[in-house]
Amino acid sequence: MGRIRPTIIKQAARELLQRYPDKFSHNYKETCAALEELTNIESKHLRNRVAGYIVSLLKQGDSGSK
């Protein structure tokens, strides 16, 4: 089983995806760079967790469209 993500990470990721849907990609490194530009999250750990969840959401969205 995987780790459970806190609600704050899920909310932030979903809100960012709604505001900037074209800024994020399936590539984790590109998503991290986009988050650095768009947000002022100072904690590297938190920023990486949000980026990972955004990539996860994007991949989930693609699998449902097949």
PDB file of N, CA and C in Angstrom:
ATOM      1  N   MET A   1       0.835  -1.179   0.000  1.00  0.00           N
ATOM      2  CA  MET A   1       0.000   0.000   0.000  1.00  0.00           C
ATOM      3  C   MET A   1       0.884   1.249   0.000  1.00  0.00           C
ATOM      4  N   GLY A   2       0.365   2.293  -0.608  1.00  0.00           N
ATOM      5  CA  GLY A   2       1.120   3.536  -0.679  1.00  0.00           C
ATOM      6  C   GLY A   2       0.883   4.423   0.526  1.00  0.00           C
ATOM      7  N   ARG A   3       1.574   5.534   0.536  1.00  0.00           N
ATOM      8  CA  ARG A   3       1.415   6.491   1.621  1.00  0.00           C
ATOM      9  C   ARG A   3       0.159   7.332   1.387  1.00  0.00           C
ATOM     10  N   ILE A   4      -0.438   7.767   2.464  1.00  0.00           N
ATOM     11  CA  ILE A   4      -1.630   8.604   2.379  1.00  0.00           C
ATOM     12  C   ILE A   4      -1.182  10.058   2.298  1.00  0.00           C
ATOM     13  N   ARG A   5      -1.732  10.786   1.339  1.00  0.00           N
ATOM     14  CA  ARG A   5      -1.365  12.192   1.171  1.00  0.00           C
ATOM     15  C   ARG A   5      -2.282  13.068   2.010  1.00  0.00           C
ATOM     16  N   PRO A   6      -1.723  14.079   2.658  1.00  0.00           N
ATOM     17  CA  PRO A   6      -2.552  15.013   3.412  1.00  0.00           C
ATOM     18  C   PRO A   6      -3.484  15.804   2.493  1.00  0.00           C
ATOM     19  N   THR A   7      -4.575  16.267   3.046  1.00  0.00           N
ATOM     20  CA  THR A   7      -5.577  17.000   2.286  1.00  0.00           C
ATOM     21  C   THR A   7      -5.004  18.276   1.688  1.00  0.00           C
ATOM     22  N   ILE A   8      -4.086  18.927   2.388  1.00  0.00           N
ATOM     23  CA  ILE A   8      -3.518  20.194   1.891  1.00  0.00           C
ATOM     24  C   ILE A   8      -2.793  19.990   0.562  1.00  0.00           C
ATOM     25  N   ILE A   9      -2.130  18.856   0.399  1.00  0.00           N
ATOM     26  CA  ILE A   9      -1.427  18.554  -0.850  1.00  0.00           C
ATOM     27  C   ILE A   9      -2.432  18.321  -1.970  1.00  0.00           C
ATOM     28  N   LYS A  10      -3.481  17.571  -1.667  1.00  0.00           N
ATOM     29  CA  LYS A  10      -4.502  17.285  -2.677  1.00  0.00           C
ATOM     30  C   LYS A  10      -5.216  18.559  -3.112  1.00  0.00           C
ATOM     31  N   GLN A  11      -5.574  19.410  -2.153  1.00  0.00           N
ATOM     32  CA  GLN A  11      -6.278  20.649  -2.487  1.00  0.00           C
ATOM     33  C   GLN A  11      -5.406  21.569  -3.329  1.00  0.00           C
ATOM     34  N   ALA A  12      -4.160  21.709  -2.936  1.00  0.00           N
ATOM     35  CA  ALA A  12      -3.256  22.589  -3.677  1.00  0.00           C
ATOM     36  C   ALA A  12      -3.063  22.087  -5.104  1.00  0.00           C
ATOM     37  N   ALA A  13      -2.859  20.787  -5.253  1.00  0.00           N
ATOM     38  CA  ALA A  13      -2.633  20.221  -6.581  1.00  0.00           C
ATOM     39  C   ALA A  13      -3.857  20.386  -7.476  1.00  0.00           C
ATOM     40  N   ARG A  14      -5.027  20.114  -6.948  1.00  0.00           N
ATOM     41  CA  ARG A  14      -6.247  20.241  -7.755  1.00  0.00           C
ATOM     42  C   ARG A  14      -6.520  21.687  -8.147  1.00  0.00           C
ATOM     43  N   GLU A  15      -6.291  22.611  -7.217  1.00  0.00           N
ATOM     44  CA  GLU A  15      -6.512  24.025  -7.530  1.00  0.00           C
ATOM     45  C   GLU A  15      -5.531  24.519  -8.592  1.00  0.00           C
ATOM     46  N   LEU A  16      -4.279  24.110  -8.482  1.00  0.00           N
ATOM     47  CA  LEU A  16      -3.285  24.509  -9.480  1.00  0.00           C
ATOM     48  C   LEU A  16      -3.608  23.918 -10.845  1.00  0.00           C
ATOM     49  N   LEU A  17      -4.092  22.678 -10.880  1.00  0.00           N
ATOM     50  CA  LEU A  17      -4.471  22.069 -12.159  1.00  0.00           C
ATOM     51  C   LEU A  17      -5.659  22.790 -12.788  1.00  0.00           C
ATOM     52  N   GLN A  18      -6.580  23.272 -11.974  1.00  0.00           N
ATOM     53  CA  GLN A  18      -7.721  24.011 -12.515  1.00  0.00           C
ATOM     54  C   GLN A  18      -7.291  25.370 -13.053  1.00  0.00           C
ATOM     55  N   ARG A  19      -6.403  26.052 -12.331  1.00  0.00           N
ATOM     56  CA  ARG A  19      -5.973  27.386 -12.746  1.00  0.00           C
ATOM     57  C   ARG A  19      -5.031  27.356 -13.944  1.00  0.00           C
ATOM     58  N   TYR A  20      -4.092  26.416 -13.949  1.00  0.00           N
ATOM     59  CA  TYR A  20      -3.057  26.357 -14.982  1.00  0.00           C
ATOM     60  C   TYR A  20      -2.981  24.960 -15.600  1.00  0.00           C
ATOM     61  N   PRO A  21      -3.997  24.519 -16.321  1.00  0.00           N
ATOM     62  CA  PRO A  21      -3.975  23.151 -16.847  1.00  0.00           C
ATOM     63  C   PRO A  21      -2.899  22.911 -17.905  1.00  0.00           C
ATOM     64  N   ASP A  22      -2.482  23.955 -18.607  1.00  0.00           N
ATOM     65  CA  ASP A  22      -1.510  23.781 -19.686  1.00  0.00           C
ATOM     66  C   ASP A  22      -0.059  23.892 -19.211  1.00  0.00           C
ATOM     67  N   LYS A  23       0.163  24.233 -17.959  1.00  0.00           N
ATOM     68  CA  LYS A  23       1.523  24.435 -17.446  1.00  0.00           C
ATOM     69  C   LYS A  23       2.185  23.142 -16.981  1.00  0.00           C
ATOM     70  N   PHE A  24       1.422  22.095 -16.729  1.00  0.00           N
ATOM     71  CA  PHE A  24       1.961  20.872 -16.143  1.00  0.00           C
ATOM     72  C   PHE A  24       1.987  19.743 -17.159  1.00  0.00           C
ATOM     73  N   SER A  25       2.958  18.852 -16.989  1.00  0.00           N
ATOM     74  CA  SER A  25       3.093  17.720 -17.899  1.00  0.00           C
ATOM     75  C   SER A  25       3.250  16.436 -17.091  1.00  0.00           C
ATOM     76  N   HIS A  26       3.377  15.331 -17.799  1.00  0.00           N
ATOM     77  CA  HIS A  26       3.574  14.036 -17.139  1.00  0.00           C
ATOM     78  C   HIS A  26       4.995  13.874 -16.617  1.00  0.00           C
ATOM     79  N   ASN A  27       5.860  14.776 -17.013  1.00  0.00           N
ATOM     80  CA  ASN A  27       7.250  14.724 -16.583  1.00  0.00           C
ATOM     81  C   ASN A  27       7.376  15.398 -15.213  1.00  0.00           C
ATOM     82  N   TYR A  28       7.878  14.659 -14.236  1.00  0.00           N
ATOM     83  CA  TYR A  28       7.979  15.154 -12.864  1.00  0.00           C
ATOM     84  C   TYR A  28       8.907  16.373 -12.771  1.00  0.00           C
ATOM     85  N   LYS A  29      10.037  16.328 -13.437  1.00  0.00           N
ATOM     86  CA  LYS A  29      11.012  17.430 -13.365  1.00  0.00           C
ATOM     87  C   LYS A  29      10.418  18.720 -13.943  1.00  0.00           C
ATOM     88  N   GLU A  30       9.697  18.615 -15.054  1.00  0.00           N
ATOM     89  CA  GLU A  30       9.072  19.794 -15.657  1.00  0.00           C
ATOM     90  C   GLU A  30       7.979  20.352 -14.750  1.00  0.00           C
ATOM     91  N   THR A  31       7.245  19.473 -14.105  1.00  0.00           N
ATOM     92  CA  THR A  31       6.193  19.901 -13.188  1.00  0.00           C
ATOM     93  C   THR A  31       6.792  20.607 -11.976  1.00  0.00           C
ATOM     94  N   CYS A  32       7.911  20.103 -11.464  1.00  0.00           N
ATOM     95  CA  CYS A  32       8.600  20.772 -10.344  1.00  0.00           C
ATOM     96  C   CYS A  32       9.039  22.175 -10.743  1.00  0.00           C
ATOM     97  N   ALA A  33       9.575  22.310 -11.936  1.00  0.00           N
ATOM     98  CA  ALA A  33      10.022  23.620 -12.413  1.00  0.00           C
ATOM     99  C   ALA A  33       8.838  24.578 -12.565  1.00  0.00           C
ATOM    100  N   ALA A  34       7.718  24.082 -13.064  1.00  0.00           N
ATOM    101  CA  ALA A  34       6.527  24.910 -13.221  1.00  0.00           C
ATOM    102  C   ALA A  34       5.994  25.352 -11.859  1.00  0.00           C
ATOM    103  N   LEU A  35       6.036  24.467 -10.887  1.00  0.00           N
ATOM    104  CA  LEU A  35       5.586  24.822  -9.540  1.00  0.00           C
ATOM    105  C   LEU A  35       6.464  25.910  -8.931  1.00  0.00           C
ATOM    106  N   GLU A  36       7.762  25.849  -9.183  1.00  0.00           N
ATOM    107  CA  GLU A  36       8.660  26.881  -8.668  1.00  0.00           C
ATOM    108  C   GLU A  36       8.304  28.240  -9.239  1.00  0.00           C
ATOM    109  N   GLU A  37       7.933  28.286 -10.514  1.00  0.00           N
ATOM    110  CA  GLU A  37       7.543  29.536 -11.162  1.00  0.00           C
ATOM    111  C   GLU A  37       6.208  30.054 -10.638  1.00  0.00           C
ATOM    112  N   LEU A  38       5.227  29.164 -10.513  1.00  0.00           N
ATOM    113  CA  LEU A  38       3.852  29.569 -10.255  1.00  0.00           C
ATOM    114  C   LEU A  38       3.529  29.795  -8.785  1.00  0.00           C
ATOM    115  N   THR A  39       4.249  29.156  -7.890  1.00  0.00           N
ATOM    116  CA  THR A  39       3.896  29.236  -6.477  1.00  0.00           C
ATOM    117  C   THR A  39       5.044  29.801  -5.655  1.00  0.00           C
ATOM    118  N   ASN A  40       4.752  30.065  -4.411  1.00  0.00           N
ATOM    119  CA  ASN A  40       5.784  30.511  -3.482  1.00  0.00           C
ATOM    120  C   ASN A  40       5.943  29.498  -2.340  1.00  0.00           C
ATOM    121  N   ILE A  41       5.786  28.225  -2.654  1.00  0.00           N
ATOM    122  CA  ILE A  41       5.974  27.175  -1.653  1.00  0.00           C
ATOM    123  C   ILE A  41       7.471  27.115  -1.346  1.00  0.00           C
ATOM    124  N   GLU A  42       7.829  27.474  -0.123  1.00  0.00           N
ATOM    125  CA  GLU A  42       9.237  27.523   0.240  1.00  0.00           C
ATOM    126  C   GLU A  42       9.803  26.155   0.581  1.00  0.00           C
ATOM    127  N   SER A  43       8.975  25.277   1.097  1.00  0.00           N
ATOM    128  CA  SER A  43       9.429  23.958   1.504  1.00  0.00           C
ATOM    129  C   SER A  43       9.631  23.068   0.274  1.00  0.00           C
ATOM    130  N   LYS A  44      10.847  22.620   0.080  1.00  0.00           N
ATOM    131  CA  LYS A  44      11.164  21.761  -1.058  1.00  0.00           C
ATOM    132  C   LYS A  44      10.399  20.443  -0.959  1.00  0.00           C
ATOM    133  N   HIS A  45      10.293  19.908   0.242  1.00  0.00           N
ATOM    134  CA  HIS A  45       9.590  18.640   0.467  1.00  0.00           C
ATOM    135  C   HIS A  45       8.117  18.763   0.069  1.00  0.00           C
ATOM    136  N   LEU A  46       7.466  19.826   0.505  1.00  0.00           N
ATOM    137  CA  LEU A  46       6.053  20.033   0.184  1.00  0.00           C
ATOM    138  C   LEU A  46       5.857  20.255  -1.305  1.00  0.00           C
ATOM    139  N   ARG A  47       6.740  21.052  -1.920  1.00  0.00           N
ATOM    140  CA  ARG A  47       6.651  21.313  -3.359  1.00  0.00           C
ATOM    141  C   ARG A  47       6.797  20.021  -4.156  1.00  0.00           C
ATOM    142  N   ASN A  48       7.711  19.154  -3.750  1.00  0.00           N
ATOM    143  CA  ASN A  48       7.906  17.887  -4.440  1.00  0.00           C
ATOM    144  C   ASN A  48       6.695  16.965  -4.279  1.00  0.00           C
ATOM    145  N   ARG A  49       6.082  16.982  -3.116  1.00  0.00           N
ATOM    146  CA  ARG A  49       4.897  16.144  -2.903  1.00  0.00           C
ATOM    147  C   ARG A  49       3.727  16.621  -3.755  1.00  0.00           C
ATOM    148  N   VAL A  50       3.561  17.943  -3.858  1.00  0.00           N
ATOM    149  CA  VAL A  50       2.494  18.500  -4.700  1.00  0.00           C
ATOM    150  C   VAL A  50       2.766  18.154  -6.165  1.00  0.00           C
ATOM    151  N   ALA A  51       4.009  18.278  -6.597  1.00  0.00           N
ATOM    152  CA  ALA A  51       4.365  17.954  -7.982  1.00  0.00           C
ATOM    153  C   ALA A  51       4.095  16.482  -8.282  1.00  0.00           C
ATOM    154  N   GLY A  52       4.446  15.612  -7.361  1.00  0.00           N
ATOM    155  CA  GLY A  52       4.190  14.185  -7.554  1.00  0.00           C
ATOM    156  C   GLY A  52       2.709  13.880  -7.661  1.00  0.00           C
ATOM    157  N   TYR A  53       1.905  14.555  -6.855  1.00  0.00           N
ATOM    158  CA  TYR A  53       0.463  14.316  -6.912  1.00  0.00           C
ATOM    159  C   TYR A  53      -0.134  14.861  -8.201  1.00  0.00           C
ATOM    160  N   ILE A  54       0.375  15.985  -8.689  1.00  0.00           N
ATOM    161  CA  ILE A  54      -0.108  16.537  -9.966  1.00  0.00           C
ATOM    162  C   ILE A  54       0.178  15.549 -11.097  1.00  0.00           C
ATOM    163  N   VAL A  55       1.386  15.001 -11.118  1.00  0.00           N
ATOM    164  CA  VAL A  55       1.741  14.015 -12.149  1.00  0.00           C
ATOM    165  C   VAL A  55       0.834  12.798 -12.029  1.00  0.00           C
ATOM    166  N   SER A  56       0.560  12.373 -10.810  1.00  0.00           N
ATOM    167  CA  SER A  56      -0.317  11.227 -10.586  1.00  0.00           C
ATOM    168  C   SER A  56      -1.726  11.501 -11.109  1.00  0.00           C
ATOM    169  N   LEU A  57      -2.242  12.714 -10.839  1.00  0.00           N
ATOM    170  CA  LEU A  57      -3.577  13.072 -11.325  1.00  0.00           C
ATOM    171  C   LEU A  57      -3.629  13.122 -12.849  1.00  0.00           C
ATOM    172  N   LEU A  58      -2.583  13.642 -13.459  1.00  0.00           N
ATOM    173  CA  LEU A  58      -2.543  13.701 -14.921  1.00  0.00           C
ATOM    174  C   LEU A  58      -2.534  12.302 -15.524  1.00  0.00           C
ATOM    175  N   LYS A  59      -1.790  11.403 -14.927  1.00  0.00           N
ATOM    176  CA  LYS A  59      -1.743  10.026 -15.428  1.00  0.00           C
ATOM    177  C   LYS A  59      -3.075   9.324 -15.233  1.00  0.00           C
ATOM    178  N   GLN A  60      -3.755   9.592 -14.124  1.00  0.00           N
ATOM    179  CA  GLN A  60      -5.071   9.007 -13.873  1.00  0.00           C
ATOM    180  C   GLN A  60      -6.079   9.499 -14.909  1.00  0.00           C
ATOM    181  N   GLY A  61      -5.990  10.768 -15.268  1.00  0.00           N
ATOM    182  CA  GLY A  61      -6.892  11.346 -16.266  1.00  0.00           C
ATOM    183  C   GLY A  61      -6.697  10.734 -17.640  1.00  0.00           C
ATOM    184  N   ASP A  62      -5.464  10.399 -17.987  1.00  0.00           N
ATOM    185  CA  ASP A  62      -5.190   9.802 -19.281  1.00  0.00           C
ATOM    186  C   ASP A  62      -5.699   8.370 -19.375  1.00  0.00           C
ATOM    187  N   SER A  63      -5.597   7.627 -18.300  1.00  0.00           N
ATOM    188  CA  SER A  63      -6.015   6.226 -18.346  1.00  0.00           C
ATOM    189  C   SER A  63      -7.535   6.097 -18.492  1.00  0.00           C
ATOM    190  N   GLY A  64      -8.274   7.094 -18.001  1.00  0.00           N
ATOM    191  CA  GLY A  64      -9.726   7.052 -18.119  1.00  0.00           C
ATOM    192  C   GLY A  64     -10.239   7.430 -19.485  1.00  0.00           C
ATOM    193  N   SER A  65      -9.414   8.073 -20.309  1.00  0.00           N
ATOM    194  CA  SER A  65      -9.873   8.543 -21.603  1.00  0.00           C
ATOM    195  C   SER A  65      -9.664   7.552 -22.736  1.00  0.00           C
ATOM    196  N   LYS A  66      -9.095   6.410 -22.428  1.00  0.00           N
ATOM    197  CA  LYS A  66      -8.832   5.415 -23.494  1.00  0.00           C
ATOM    198  C   LYS A  66     -10.051   4.666 -23.893  1.00  0.00           C
TER     199      LYS A  66
END
